[in-house]
N, C-alpha and C. Protein backbone atom coordinates (compact mmCIF):
# COMPACT_ATOMS: atom_id res chain seq x y z
N UNK A 1 104.76 93.79 76.02
CA UNK A 1 105.78 94.63 76.62
C UNK A 1 106.98 93.77 77.05
N UNK A 2 108.13 94.08 76.50
CA UNK A 2 109.35 93.32 76.81
C UNK A 2 110.12 93.99 77.93
N UNK A 3 110.51 93.20 78.93
CA UNK A 3 111.30 93.71 80.04
C UNK A 3 112.42 92.71 80.33
N UNK A 4 113.54 93.23 80.81
CA UNK A 4 114.67 92.40 81.21
C UNK A 4 114.85 92.55 82.71
N UNK A 5 114.71 91.45 83.42
CA UNK A 5 114.96 91.43 84.86
C UNK A 5 116.41 90.98 85.03
N UNK A 6 117.22 91.75 85.74
CA UNK A 6 118.63 91.41 85.81
C UNK A 6 119.21 91.64 87.20
N UNK A 7 120.35 91.00 87.42
CA UNK A 7 121.06 91.16 88.68
C UNK A 7 122.55 91.08 88.39
N UNK A 8 123.36 91.70 89.25
CA UNK A 8 124.80 91.69 89.07
C UNK A 8 125.50 91.24 90.35
N UNK A 9 126.70 90.72 90.20
CA UNK A 9 127.61 90.50 91.32
C UNK A 9 128.88 91.27 91.02
N UNK A 10 129.51 91.79 92.07
CA UNK A 10 130.63 92.71 91.90
C UNK A 10 131.75 92.40 92.91
N UNK A 11 132.83 93.14 92.77
CA UNK A 11 133.93 92.99 93.74
C UNK A 11 133.71 93.84 94.99
N UNK A 12 132.70 94.69 94.98
CA UNK A 12 132.45 95.56 96.12
C UNK A 12 131.27 96.47 95.86
N UNK A 13 131.23 97.59 96.55
CA UNK A 13 130.03 98.43 96.56
C UNK A 13 130.11 99.67 95.69
N UNK A 14 131.29 100.01 95.16
CA UNK A 14 131.43 101.28 94.46
C UNK A 14 132.33 101.16 93.23
N UNK A 15 131.71 101.35 92.07
CA UNK A 15 132.50 101.32 90.84
C UNK A 15 133.50 102.46 90.82
N UNK A 16 133.09 103.62 91.30
CA UNK A 16 133.97 104.78 91.27
C UNK A 16 135.20 104.61 92.16
N UNK A 17 135.12 103.70 93.13
CA UNK A 17 136.26 103.43 94.00
C UNK A 17 137.09 102.23 93.53
N UNK A 18 136.83 101.77 92.31
CA UNK A 18 137.67 100.72 91.75
C UNK A 18 137.06 99.33 91.73
N UNK A 19 135.83 99.19 92.21
CA UNK A 19 135.19 97.88 92.15
C UNK A 19 134.70 97.62 90.73
N UNK A 20 134.53 96.32 90.41
CA UNK A 20 134.19 95.93 89.05
C UNK A 20 133.06 94.91 89.03
N UNK A 21 132.43 94.81 87.89
CA UNK A 21 131.37 93.84 87.65
C UNK A 21 132.01 92.47 87.36
N UNK A 22 131.49 91.41 88.03
CA UNK A 22 132.06 90.07 87.78
C UNK A 22 131.01 89.07 87.29
N UNK A 23 129.75 89.41 87.38
CA UNK A 23 128.70 88.49 86.90
C UNK A 23 127.45 89.28 86.60
N UNK A 24 126.74 88.87 85.56
CA UNK A 24 125.42 89.44 85.27
C UNK A 24 124.50 88.32 84.81
N UNK A 25 123.26 88.38 85.27
CA UNK A 25 122.23 87.42 84.86
C UNK A 25 120.98 88.17 84.44
N UNK A 26 120.47 87.85 83.28
CA UNK A 26 119.30 88.55 82.72
C UNK A 26 118.23 87.53 82.34
N UNK A 27 116.98 87.87 82.61
CA UNK A 27 115.84 87.03 82.25
C UNK A 27 114.86 87.87 81.46
N UNK A 28 114.45 87.37 80.32
CA UNK A 28 113.50 88.08 79.48
C UNK A 28 112.07 87.78 79.90
N UNK A 29 111.26 88.84 80.03
CA UNK A 29 109.83 88.70 80.27
C UNK A 29 109.07 89.50 79.22
N UNK A 30 107.96 88.94 78.76
CA UNK A 30 107.06 89.65 77.86
C UNK A 30 105.68 89.62 78.48
N UNK A 31 105.14 90.80 78.72
CA UNK A 31 103.84 90.92 79.40
C UNK A 31 103.85 90.19 80.73
N UNK A 32 104.95 90.36 81.48
CA UNK A 32 105.13 89.80 82.83
C UNK A 32 105.22 88.27 82.84
N UNK A 33 105.50 87.66 81.71
CA UNK A 33 105.64 86.20 81.63
C UNK A 33 107.04 85.88 81.14
N UNK A 34 107.75 84.99 81.83
CA UNK A 34 109.09 84.59 81.40
C UNK A 34 109.00 83.85 80.07
N UNK A 35 109.88 84.21 79.15
CA UNK A 35 109.88 83.59 77.82
C UNK A 35 110.78 82.37 77.76
N UNK A 36 111.66 82.21 78.75
CA UNK A 36 112.65 81.14 78.72
C UNK A 36 114.00 81.60 78.21
N UNK A 37 114.08 82.82 77.67
CA UNK A 37 115.35 83.36 77.18
C UNK A 37 116.10 84.03 78.33
N UNK A 38 117.36 83.68 78.48
CA UNK A 38 118.19 84.27 79.52
C UNK A 38 119.56 84.63 78.95
N UNK A 39 120.27 85.48 79.68
CA UNK A 39 121.66 85.78 79.36
C UNK A 39 122.44 85.74 80.67
N UNK A 40 123.57 85.04 80.66
CA UNK A 40 124.38 84.91 81.87
C UNK A 40 125.84 84.91 81.50
N UNK A 41 126.63 85.69 82.23
CA UNK A 41 128.07 85.75 81.95
C UNK A 41 128.84 86.11 83.21
N UNK A 42 130.06 85.53 83.31
CA UNK A 42 131.04 85.92 84.31
C UNK A 42 132.10 86.77 83.62
N UNK A 43 132.69 87.69 84.37
CA UNK A 43 133.73 88.56 83.82
C UNK A 43 134.96 88.56 84.71
N UNK A 44 136.12 88.56 84.07
CA UNK A 44 137.37 88.76 84.80
C UNK A 44 137.41 90.24 85.22
N UNK A 45 137.55 90.52 86.52
CA UNK A 45 137.45 91.92 86.97
C UNK A 45 138.74 92.73 86.81
N UNK A 46 139.82 92.10 86.38
CA UNK A 46 141.09 92.78 86.22
C UNK A 46 141.59 93.39 87.53
N UNK A 47 141.24 92.75 88.61
CA UNK A 47 141.70 93.11 89.95
C UNK A 47 141.40 91.93 90.87
N UNK A 48 141.89 91.97 92.09
CA UNK A 48 141.66 90.87 93.02
C UNK A 48 140.27 90.97 93.64
N UNK A 49 139.78 89.81 94.13
CA UNK A 49 138.47 89.75 94.76
C UNK A 49 138.63 89.90 96.28
N UNK A 50 138.03 90.92 96.87
CA UNK A 50 138.08 91.07 98.31
C UNK A 50 137.37 89.90 99.00
N UNK A 51 137.88 89.50 100.16
CA UNK A 51 137.33 88.35 100.88
C UNK A 51 135.88 88.57 101.26
N UNK A 52 135.52 89.80 101.64
CA UNK A 52 134.13 90.06 102.07
C UNK A 52 133.16 89.91 100.91
N UNK A 53 133.58 90.28 99.70
CA UNK A 53 132.72 90.11 98.53
C UNK A 53 132.62 88.64 98.16
N UNK A 54 133.72 87.91 98.25
CA UNK A 54 133.70 86.48 97.92
C UNK A 54 132.78 85.71 98.86
N UNK A 55 132.70 86.13 100.12
CA UNK A 55 131.80 85.45 101.07
C UNK A 55 130.34 85.58 100.64
N UNK A 56 130.00 86.63 99.93
CA UNK A 56 128.61 86.86 99.51
C UNK A 56 128.25 86.00 98.30
N UNK A 57 129.11 86.01 97.27
CA UNK A 57 128.75 85.31 96.04
C UNK A 57 129.61 84.09 95.71
N UNK A 58 130.70 83.89 96.44
CA UNK A 58 131.51 82.69 96.24
C UNK A 58 132.41 82.72 95.03
N UNK A 59 132.55 83.86 94.37
CA UNK A 59 133.36 83.94 93.15
C UNK A 59 134.79 84.33 93.52
N UNK A 60 135.70 83.41 93.33
CA UNK A 60 137.10 83.61 93.73
C UNK A 60 137.95 84.08 92.56
N UNK A 61 139.16 84.54 92.89
CA UNK A 61 140.11 84.92 91.85
C UNK A 61 140.41 83.72 90.94
N UNK A 62 140.54 82.55 91.53
CA UNK A 62 140.85 81.36 90.74
C UNK A 62 139.71 81.04 89.76
N UNK A 63 138.47 81.15 90.22
CA UNK A 63 137.33 80.86 89.35
C UNK A 63 137.26 81.85 88.20
N UNK A 64 137.51 83.12 88.49
CA UNK A 64 137.36 84.17 87.48
C UNK A 64 138.59 84.34 86.59
N UNK A 65 139.66 83.62 86.89
CA UNK A 65 140.93 83.85 86.19
C UNK A 65 140.86 83.60 84.69
N UNK A 66 140.01 82.66 84.24
CA UNK A 66 139.93 82.37 82.81
C UNK A 66 138.66 82.92 82.16
N UNK A 67 137.95 83.77 82.87
CA UNK A 67 136.70 84.33 82.33
C UNK A 67 137.00 85.52 81.43
N UNK A 68 136.14 85.80 80.45
CA UNK A 68 136.38 86.93 79.55
C UNK A 68 136.25 88.26 80.29
N UNK A 69 136.90 89.26 79.78
CA UNK A 69 136.74 90.62 80.31
C UNK A 69 135.45 91.22 79.76
N UNK A 70 134.96 92.25 80.45
CA UNK A 70 133.66 92.82 80.08
C UNK A 70 133.62 93.24 78.61
N UNK A 71 134.69 93.85 78.13
CA UNK A 71 134.67 94.36 76.75
C UNK A 71 134.55 93.23 75.72
N UNK A 72 134.87 92.00 76.12
CA UNK A 72 134.77 90.88 75.20
C UNK A 72 133.33 90.37 75.07
N UNK A 73 132.46 90.73 76.00
CA UNK A 73 131.08 90.23 76.00
C UNK A 73 130.05 91.34 75.84
N UNK A 74 130.51 92.58 75.78
CA UNK A 74 129.57 93.70 75.82
C UNK A 74 128.59 93.70 74.65
N UNK A 75 129.04 93.30 73.46
CA UNK A 75 128.15 93.35 72.30
C UNK A 75 126.99 92.38 72.45
N UNK A 76 127.27 91.16 72.87
CA UNK A 76 126.18 90.19 73.02
C UNK A 76 125.27 90.56 74.18
N UNK A 77 125.81 91.16 75.23
CA UNK A 77 124.98 91.61 76.34
C UNK A 77 124.01 92.69 75.89
N UNK A 78 124.53 93.69 75.18
CA UNK A 78 123.67 94.79 74.71
C UNK A 78 122.65 94.29 73.69
N UNK A 79 123.03 93.32 72.89
CA UNK A 79 122.08 92.76 71.92
C UNK A 79 120.93 92.07 72.64
N UNK A 80 121.23 91.38 73.73
CA UNK A 80 120.17 90.71 74.48
C UNK A 80 119.25 91.72 75.16
N UNK A 81 119.85 92.74 75.75
CA UNK A 81 119.05 93.76 76.46
C UNK A 81 118.16 94.53 75.48
N UNK A 82 118.72 94.90 74.34
CA UNK A 82 117.96 95.68 73.37
C UNK A 82 117.51 97.00 73.95
N UNK A 83 116.25 97.37 73.65
CA UNK A 83 115.72 98.63 74.17
C UNK A 83 114.67 98.41 75.25
N UNK A 84 114.70 97.23 75.89
CA UNK A 84 113.70 96.89 76.90
C UNK A 84 113.90 97.68 78.17
N UNK A 85 112.83 97.77 78.96
CA UNK A 85 112.94 98.28 80.32
C UNK A 85 113.79 97.29 81.13
N UNK A 86 114.56 97.81 82.10
CA UNK A 86 115.45 96.98 82.89
C UNK A 86 115.02 97.02 84.35
N UNK A 87 114.72 95.85 84.88
CA UNK A 87 114.19 95.71 86.25
C UNK A 87 115.25 95.10 87.13
N UNK A 88 115.53 95.74 88.27
CA UNK A 88 116.53 95.20 89.21
C UNK A 88 116.11 95.55 90.63
N UNK A 89 116.66 94.79 91.57
CA UNK A 89 116.38 95.02 92.98
C UNK A 89 117.47 95.93 93.53
N UNK A 90 117.07 97.12 94.00
CA UNK A 90 118.03 98.19 94.31
C UNK A 90 118.75 98.56 93.03
N UNK A 91 117.97 98.97 92.05
CA UNK A 91 118.44 99.11 90.67
C UNK A 91 119.54 100.14 90.50
N UNK A 92 119.60 101.16 91.35
CA UNK A 92 120.66 102.16 91.19
C UNK A 92 122.04 101.53 91.35
N UNK A 93 122.14 100.51 92.21
CA UNK A 93 123.42 99.82 92.39
C UNK A 93 123.80 99.08 91.11
N UNK A 94 122.88 98.28 90.57
CA UNK A 94 123.18 97.49 89.36
C UNK A 94 123.42 98.40 88.16
N UNK A 95 122.60 99.45 88.02
CA UNK A 95 122.82 100.40 86.92
C UNK A 95 124.16 101.10 87.06
N UNK A 96 124.56 101.41 88.31
CA UNK A 96 125.84 102.07 88.52
C UNK A 96 127.00 101.26 87.98
N UNK A 97 126.96 99.94 88.21
CA UNK A 97 128.05 99.09 87.73
C UNK A 97 127.95 98.84 86.23
N UNK A 98 126.73 98.58 85.73
CA UNK A 98 126.57 98.34 84.29
C UNK A 98 126.98 99.57 83.50
N UNK A 99 126.49 100.73 83.92
CA UNK A 99 126.86 101.96 83.20
C UNK A 99 128.32 102.34 83.44
N UNK A 100 128.84 101.98 84.60
CA UNK A 100 130.26 102.24 84.84
C UNK A 100 131.13 101.47 83.87
N UNK A 101 130.79 100.21 83.64
CA UNK A 101 131.57 99.40 82.69
C UNK A 101 131.41 99.93 81.27
N UNK A 102 130.19 100.34 80.91
CA UNK A 102 129.97 100.88 79.56
C UNK A 102 130.73 102.18 79.37
N UNK A 103 130.66 103.05 80.35
CA UNK A 103 131.35 104.33 80.26
C UNK A 103 132.86 104.14 80.18
N UNK A 104 133.38 103.17 80.89
CA UNK A 104 134.82 102.86 80.88
C UNK A 104 135.29 102.49 79.47
N UNK A 105 134.38 101.90 78.68
CA UNK A 105 134.71 101.51 77.30
C UNK A 105 134.37 102.60 76.29
N UNK A 106 133.86 103.73 76.80
CA UNK A 106 133.47 104.81 75.89
C UNK A 106 132.16 104.52 75.18
N UNK A 107 131.36 103.60 75.74
CA UNK A 107 130.07 103.26 75.13
C UNK A 107 128.97 104.12 75.74
N UNK A 108 127.88 104.24 75.01
CA UNK A 108 126.73 104.99 75.51
C UNK A 108 126.14 104.27 76.72
N UNK A 109 125.89 105.04 77.78
CA UNK A 109 125.31 104.42 78.97
C UNK A 109 123.81 104.25 78.79
N UNK A 110 123.21 103.41 79.63
CA UNK A 110 121.79 103.13 79.56
C UNK A 110 121.02 104.18 80.35
N UNK A 111 120.02 104.76 79.74
CA UNK A 111 119.23 105.82 80.37
C UNK A 111 118.52 105.32 81.62
N UNK A 112 118.55 106.13 82.65
CA UNK A 112 117.85 105.77 83.89
C UNK A 112 116.34 105.77 83.70
N UNK A 113 115.86 106.33 82.61
CA UNK A 113 114.43 106.28 82.32
C UNK A 113 113.96 104.86 82.04
N UNK A 114 114.90 103.99 81.72
CA UNK A 114 114.56 102.58 81.47
C UNK A 114 114.60 101.75 82.75
N UNK A 115 114.95 102.36 83.86
CA UNK A 115 115.16 101.64 85.11
C UNK A 115 113.86 101.46 85.89
N UNK A 116 113.64 100.23 86.36
CA UNK A 116 112.55 99.92 87.27
C UNK A 116 113.16 99.29 88.52
N UNK A 117 112.93 99.90 89.68
CA UNK A 117 113.55 99.45 90.93
C UNK A 117 112.51 98.74 91.79
N UNK A 118 112.68 97.45 91.99
CA UNK A 118 111.71 96.69 92.78
C UNK A 118 111.80 96.99 94.27
N UNK A 119 112.94 97.50 94.74
CA UNK A 119 113.00 97.93 96.15
C UNK A 119 112.07 99.11 96.37
N UNK A 120 112.10 100.09 95.46
CA UNK A 120 111.21 101.25 95.57
C UNK A 120 109.75 100.80 95.50
N UNK A 121 109.44 99.84 94.62
CA UNK A 121 108.08 99.33 94.53
C UNK A 121 107.66 98.66 95.83
N UNK A 122 108.56 97.86 96.41
CA UNK A 122 108.25 97.14 97.65
C UNK A 122 108.04 98.11 98.81
N UNK A 123 108.84 99.17 98.87
CA UNK A 123 108.68 100.16 99.95
C UNK A 123 107.33 100.85 99.87
N UNK A 124 106.87 101.10 98.66
CA UNK A 124 105.58 101.74 98.48
C UNK A 124 104.43 100.78 98.83
N UNK A 125 104.58 99.53 98.45
CA UNK A 125 103.50 98.57 98.68
C UNK A 125 103.50 98.03 100.11
N UNK A 126 104.69 97.88 100.71
CA UNK A 126 104.78 97.32 102.06
C UNK A 126 105.62 98.23 102.95
N UNK A 127 105.11 99.42 103.26
CA UNK A 127 105.90 100.36 104.08
C UNK A 127 106.19 99.77 105.47
N UNK A 128 107.44 99.96 105.89
CA UNK A 128 107.82 99.49 107.21
C UNK A 128 108.27 98.05 107.27
N UNK A 129 108.08 97.30 106.20
CA UNK A 129 108.47 95.88 106.18
C UNK A 129 109.90 95.75 105.64
N UNK A 130 110.44 94.54 105.73
CA UNK A 130 111.75 94.27 105.15
C UNK A 130 111.60 94.13 103.64
N UNK A 131 112.57 94.64 102.90
CA UNK A 131 112.45 94.69 101.44
C UNK A 131 113.59 93.96 100.72
N UNK A 132 114.34 93.14 101.45
CA UNK A 132 115.38 92.35 100.78
C UNK A 132 114.71 91.32 99.87
N UNK A 133 115.47 90.77 98.94
CA UNK A 133 114.93 89.75 98.04
C UNK A 133 114.47 88.53 98.83
N UNK A 134 115.25 88.13 99.82
CA UNK A 134 114.85 86.99 100.66
C UNK A 134 113.55 87.27 101.38
N UNK A 135 113.42 88.48 101.95
CA UNK A 135 112.21 88.83 102.69
C UNK A 135 110.99 88.84 101.79
N UNK A 136 111.13 89.35 100.57
CA UNK A 136 109.99 89.39 99.65
C UNK A 136 109.63 88.00 99.15
N UNK A 137 110.63 87.15 98.94
CA UNK A 137 110.33 85.76 98.56
C UNK A 137 109.53 85.09 99.68
N UNK A 138 109.93 85.34 100.93
CA UNK A 138 109.19 84.77 102.05
C UNK A 138 107.77 85.31 102.13
N UNK A 139 107.60 86.59 101.91
CA UNK A 139 106.27 87.21 101.97
C UNK A 139 105.33 86.61 100.92
N UNK A 140 105.87 86.35 99.72
CA UNK A 140 105.03 85.88 98.62
C UNK A 140 105.07 84.36 98.43
N UNK A 141 105.70 83.64 99.34
CA UNK A 141 105.71 82.18 99.25
C UNK A 141 106.52 81.65 98.08
N UNK A 142 107.59 82.35 97.71
CA UNK A 142 108.45 81.93 96.59
C UNK A 142 109.58 81.08 97.14
N UNK A 143 109.76 79.89 96.59
CA UNK A 143 110.78 78.96 97.07
C UNK A 143 112.18 79.48 96.75
N UNK A 144 112.97 79.70 97.79
CA UNK A 144 114.36 80.15 97.61
C UNK A 144 115.32 79.20 98.31
N UNK A 145 114.88 77.97 98.55
CA UNK A 145 115.68 77.01 99.31
C UNK A 145 117.00 76.68 98.62
N UNK A 146 117.06 76.85 97.30
CA UNK A 146 118.27 76.55 96.55
C UNK A 146 119.22 77.74 96.49
N UNK A 147 118.88 78.82 97.17
CA UNK A 147 119.72 80.02 97.16
C UNK A 147 120.64 80.01 98.38
N UNK A 148 121.79 79.38 98.24
CA UNK A 148 122.77 79.32 99.33
C UNK A 148 123.65 80.56 99.31
N UNK A 149 124.17 80.91 98.14
CA UNK A 149 124.95 82.13 97.93
C UNK A 149 124.23 83.00 96.91
N UNK A 150 124.59 84.28 96.87
CA UNK A 150 124.07 85.15 95.83
C UNK A 150 124.60 84.68 94.47
N UNK A 151 123.75 84.71 93.48
CA UNK A 151 124.13 84.38 92.12
C UNK A 151 123.27 85.21 91.19
N UNK A 152 123.87 85.85 90.18
CA UNK A 152 123.15 86.83 89.38
C UNK A 152 121.95 86.23 88.65
N UNK A 153 122.13 85.09 87.99
CA UNK A 153 121.02 84.53 87.24
C UNK A 153 119.94 83.98 88.16
N UNK A 154 120.32 83.28 89.21
CA UNK A 154 119.35 82.76 90.17
C UNK A 154 118.56 83.89 90.80
N UNK A 155 119.25 84.95 91.21
CA UNK A 155 118.56 86.07 91.84
C UNK A 155 117.63 86.77 90.85
N UNK A 156 118.03 86.85 89.59
CA UNK A 156 117.16 87.45 88.58
C UNK A 156 115.90 86.61 88.38
N UNK A 157 116.05 85.29 88.42
CA UNK A 157 114.89 84.40 88.25
C UNK A 157 113.95 84.52 89.44
N UNK A 158 114.49 84.64 90.64
CA UNK A 158 113.65 84.86 91.82
C UNK A 158 112.97 86.22 91.73
N UNK A 159 113.71 87.22 91.26
CA UNK A 159 113.15 88.56 91.16
C UNK A 159 112.00 88.62 90.16
N UNK A 160 112.05 87.79 89.12
CA UNK A 160 110.93 87.73 88.18
C UNK A 160 109.63 87.43 88.92
N UNK A 161 109.67 86.45 89.81
CA UNK A 161 108.47 86.06 90.55
C UNK A 161 108.04 87.16 91.51
N UNK A 162 109.00 87.79 92.16
CA UNK A 162 108.69 88.90 93.06
C UNK A 162 108.08 90.06 92.27
N UNK A 163 108.64 90.35 91.11
CA UNK A 163 108.16 91.46 90.28
C UNK A 163 106.71 91.24 89.85
N UNK A 164 106.38 90.00 89.49
CA UNK A 164 105.00 89.69 89.13
C UNK A 164 104.07 89.98 90.30
N UNK A 165 104.48 89.59 91.52
CA UNK A 165 103.65 89.85 92.69
C UNK A 165 103.53 91.34 92.96
N UNK A 166 104.60 92.08 92.81
CA UNK A 166 104.56 93.52 93.06
C UNK A 166 103.73 94.27 92.04
N UNK A 167 103.52 93.69 90.87
CA UNK A 167 102.76 94.35 89.82
C UNK A 167 101.36 93.78 89.65
N UNK A 168 100.89 93.06 90.65
CA UNK A 168 99.50 92.60 90.59
C UNK A 168 99.29 91.16 90.91
N UNK A 169 100.34 90.37 91.01
CA UNK A 169 100.18 88.97 91.37
C UNK A 169 99.97 88.07 90.19
N UNK A 170 99.85 86.78 90.48
CA UNK A 170 99.77 85.77 89.43
C UNK A 170 98.48 85.83 88.63
N UNK A 171 97.47 86.58 89.14
CA UNK A 171 96.22 86.69 88.39
C UNK A 171 96.31 87.71 87.27
N UNK A 172 97.53 88.24 87.02
CA UNK A 172 97.67 89.30 86.02
C UNK A 172 97.19 88.86 84.65
N UNK A 173 97.25 87.57 84.35
CA UNK A 173 96.80 87.08 83.05
C UNK A 173 95.30 86.92 82.96
N UNK A 174 94.58 87.16 84.07
CA UNK A 174 93.14 86.97 84.06
C UNK A 174 92.43 88.31 84.02
N UNK A 175 92.95 89.25 83.24
CA UNK A 175 92.34 90.55 83.12
C UNK A 175 91.31 90.51 82.00
N UNK A 176 90.90 91.68 81.50
CA UNK A 176 89.86 91.74 80.49
C UNK A 176 90.25 90.94 79.25
N UNK A 177 89.28 90.23 78.68
CA UNK A 177 89.52 89.47 77.46
C UNK A 177 89.83 90.46 76.34
N UNK A 178 90.97 90.24 75.66
CA UNK A 178 91.38 91.23 74.67
C UNK A 178 91.74 90.63 73.32
N UNK A 179 91.71 89.31 73.18
CA UNK A 179 92.04 88.75 71.87
C UNK A 179 91.31 87.43 71.68
N UNK A 180 91.41 86.89 70.45
CA UNK A 180 90.66 85.70 70.09
C UNK A 180 91.06 84.49 70.92
N UNK A 181 92.35 84.42 71.32
CA UNK A 181 92.79 83.28 72.11
C UNK A 181 92.09 83.25 73.45
N UNK A 182 92.00 84.42 74.10
CA UNK A 182 91.35 84.49 75.39
C UNK A 182 89.84 84.23 75.26
N UNK A 183 89.25 84.70 74.16
CA UNK A 183 87.83 84.43 73.94
C UNK A 183 87.59 82.94 73.81
N UNK A 184 88.43 82.27 73.01
CA UNK A 184 88.28 80.83 72.82
C UNK A 184 88.45 80.10 74.13
N UNK A 185 89.40 80.55 74.96
CA UNK A 185 89.63 79.90 76.24
C UNK A 185 88.42 80.04 77.15
N UNK A 186 87.80 81.24 77.16
CA UNK A 186 86.65 81.45 78.03
C UNK A 186 85.46 80.64 77.56
N UNK A 187 85.29 80.51 76.23
CA UNK A 187 84.21 79.69 75.70
C UNK A 187 84.42 78.23 76.08
N UNK A 188 85.68 77.78 76.02
CA UNK A 188 85.99 76.39 76.35
C UNK A 188 85.66 76.09 77.80
N UNK A 189 85.93 77.05 78.70
CA UNK A 189 85.60 76.87 80.10
C UNK A 189 84.10 76.69 80.28
N UNK A 190 83.31 77.51 79.60
CA UNK A 190 81.86 77.40 79.72
C UNK A 190 81.38 76.07 79.16
N UNK A 191 81.98 75.63 78.04
CA UNK A 191 81.54 74.41 77.40
C UNK A 191 81.73 73.20 78.31
N UNK A 192 82.77 73.23 79.13
CA UNK A 192 83.05 72.10 79.98
C UNK A 192 82.50 72.26 81.40
N UNK A 193 81.64 73.26 81.59
CA UNK A 193 81.04 73.43 82.91
C UNK A 193 80.09 72.27 83.18
N UNK A 194 79.86 71.96 84.46
CA UNK A 194 78.97 70.87 84.83
C UNK A 194 77.54 71.18 84.39
N UNK A 195 76.81 70.18 83.84
CA UNK A 195 75.43 70.43 83.39
C UNK A 195 74.52 70.75 84.57
N UNK A 196 73.50 71.57 84.29
CA UNK A 196 72.55 71.94 85.35
C UNK A 196 71.74 70.72 85.78
N UNK A 197 71.51 70.60 87.08
CA UNK A 197 70.71 69.48 87.58
C UNK A 197 69.22 69.73 87.32
N UNK A 198 68.45 68.67 86.98
CA UNK A 198 67.01 68.85 86.77
C UNK A 198 66.32 69.19 88.09
N UNK A 199 65.23 69.93 87.99
CA UNK A 199 64.48 70.32 89.17
C UNK A 199 63.85 69.07 89.82
N UNK A 200 63.98 68.98 91.13
CA UNK A 200 63.42 67.83 91.84
C UNK A 200 62.06 68.22 92.42
N UNK A 201 61.07 67.36 92.22
CA UNK A 201 59.70 67.59 92.69
C UNK A 201 59.42 66.67 93.87
N UNK A 202 59.00 67.25 95.00
CA UNK A 202 58.72 66.47 96.21
C UNK A 202 57.21 66.43 96.42
N UNK A 203 56.66 65.23 96.49
CA UNK A 203 55.22 65.07 96.76
C UNK A 203 54.94 65.20 98.25
N UNK A 204 53.89 65.99 98.62
CA UNK A 204 53.53 66.19 100.03
C UNK A 204 52.39 65.25 100.39
N UNK A 205 52.55 64.46 101.44
CA UNK A 205 51.49 63.53 101.83
C UNK A 205 50.20 64.26 102.18
N UNK A 206 49.05 63.61 101.93
CA UNK A 206 47.76 64.21 102.21
C UNK A 206 47.61 64.59 103.68
N UNK A 207 48.14 63.76 104.58
CA UNK A 207 48.02 64.03 106.02
C UNK A 207 48.73 65.34 106.36
N UNK A 208 49.87 65.61 105.73
CA UNK A 208 50.61 66.84 106.00
C UNK A 208 49.84 68.04 105.49
N UNK A 209 49.24 67.90 104.31
CA UNK A 209 48.42 69.00 103.78
C UNK A 209 47.26 69.31 104.70
N UNK A 210 46.64 68.26 105.27
CA UNK A 210 45.49 68.47 106.16
C UNK A 210 45.93 69.19 107.43
N UNK A 211 47.05 68.78 108.02
CA UNK A 211 47.53 69.43 109.23
C UNK A 211 47.88 70.90 108.96
N UNK A 212 48.46 71.16 107.79
CA UNK A 212 48.79 72.53 107.44
C UNK A 212 47.53 73.38 107.31
N UNK A 213 46.51 72.84 106.67
CA UNK A 213 45.26 73.58 106.49
C UNK A 213 44.62 73.88 107.85
N UNK A 214 44.66 72.91 108.78
CA UNK A 214 44.08 73.11 110.11
C UNK A 214 44.84 74.20 110.86
N UNK A 215 46.14 74.24 110.71
CA UNK A 215 46.95 75.26 111.39
C UNK A 215 46.63 76.65 110.84
N UNK A 216 46.56 76.76 109.51
CA UNK A 216 46.29 78.05 108.89
C UNK A 216 44.91 78.56 109.28
N UNK A 217 43.94 77.66 109.47
CA UNK A 217 42.58 78.06 109.82
C UNK A 217 42.52 78.73 111.19
N UNK A 218 43.50 78.46 112.03
CA UNK A 218 43.50 79.05 113.37
C UNK A 218 44.11 80.45 113.40
N UNK A 219 44.75 80.88 112.32
CA UNK A 219 45.37 82.19 112.30
C UNK A 219 44.33 83.29 112.20
N UNK A 220 44.53 84.37 112.96
CA UNK A 220 43.60 85.50 112.94
C UNK A 220 44.14 86.59 112.02
N UNK A 221 43.31 86.99 111.09
CA UNK A 221 43.64 88.03 110.11
C UNK A 221 45.01 87.82 109.46
N UNK A 222 45.21 86.70 108.80
CA UNK A 222 46.50 86.48 108.13
C UNK A 222 46.70 87.51 107.02
N UNK A 223 47.97 87.79 106.70
CA UNK A 223 48.28 88.80 105.69
C UNK A 223 47.69 88.46 104.34
N UNK A 224 47.56 87.17 104.05
CA UNK A 224 47.03 86.79 102.74
C UNK A 224 45.53 86.60 102.72
N UNK A 225 44.89 86.91 103.88
CA UNK A 225 43.44 86.72 103.95
C UNK A 225 42.68 87.78 103.18
N UNK A 226 41.40 87.56 103.08
CA UNK A 226 40.54 88.49 102.29
C UNK A 226 40.44 89.85 102.95
N UNK A 227 40.63 89.89 104.30
CA UNK A 227 40.48 91.17 104.99
C UNK A 227 41.73 92.04 104.90
N UNK A 228 42.83 91.45 104.45
CA UNK A 228 44.08 92.24 104.39
C UNK A 228 43.96 93.27 103.29
N UNK A 229 44.09 94.56 103.66
CA UNK A 229 43.91 95.62 102.68
C UNK A 229 45.21 96.34 102.37
N UNK A 230 46.33 96.00 103.09
CA UNK A 230 47.62 96.65 102.86
C UNK A 230 47.58 98.04 103.38
């Protein structure tokens, strides 16, 4: 199963109010395992960057001034995404901007049926807890020390690890054996198991046997005696 975990950075909170997409980061996963394939791009937003947005992701007008516009990168972005499910944290926000940019170009938008929202998953699994990406990384022991500012690709890579935890944890690969590779691996584990130790025989001194016999002789109607009828 192929899935794309992605994150976006924008000029603000609402595409319909004139905000634009300025960065996207995508990470490919197959069967909940990262393949190493990623897609990352910055976009010139064709408008100025508000100071409050820049404080979050650090992307300035000067930095974005020579970046391509969305329409210049849309084909390679869509080629990378393909028909995979799309996983995002607070996915309605990211889908709103991605589909807003596509709709602006007259392109077909991405169906919400392909959307997987990790915030909704976290709320169901941990009701009443904090559900930010930072909070979930802390809950699951995921190192985020290198996350000083928001960044689309970095956040997508962190979300991959969170998503694995939300869908069953790192033991997800240790499910029922289903193919020859897993069978061979399980056989190999057995082959390298530690050999069984030989049975150890302890000799009992004659004096101990005699003391035991004298003790047993003093017992009245023992369960193993001839008079025991059950």
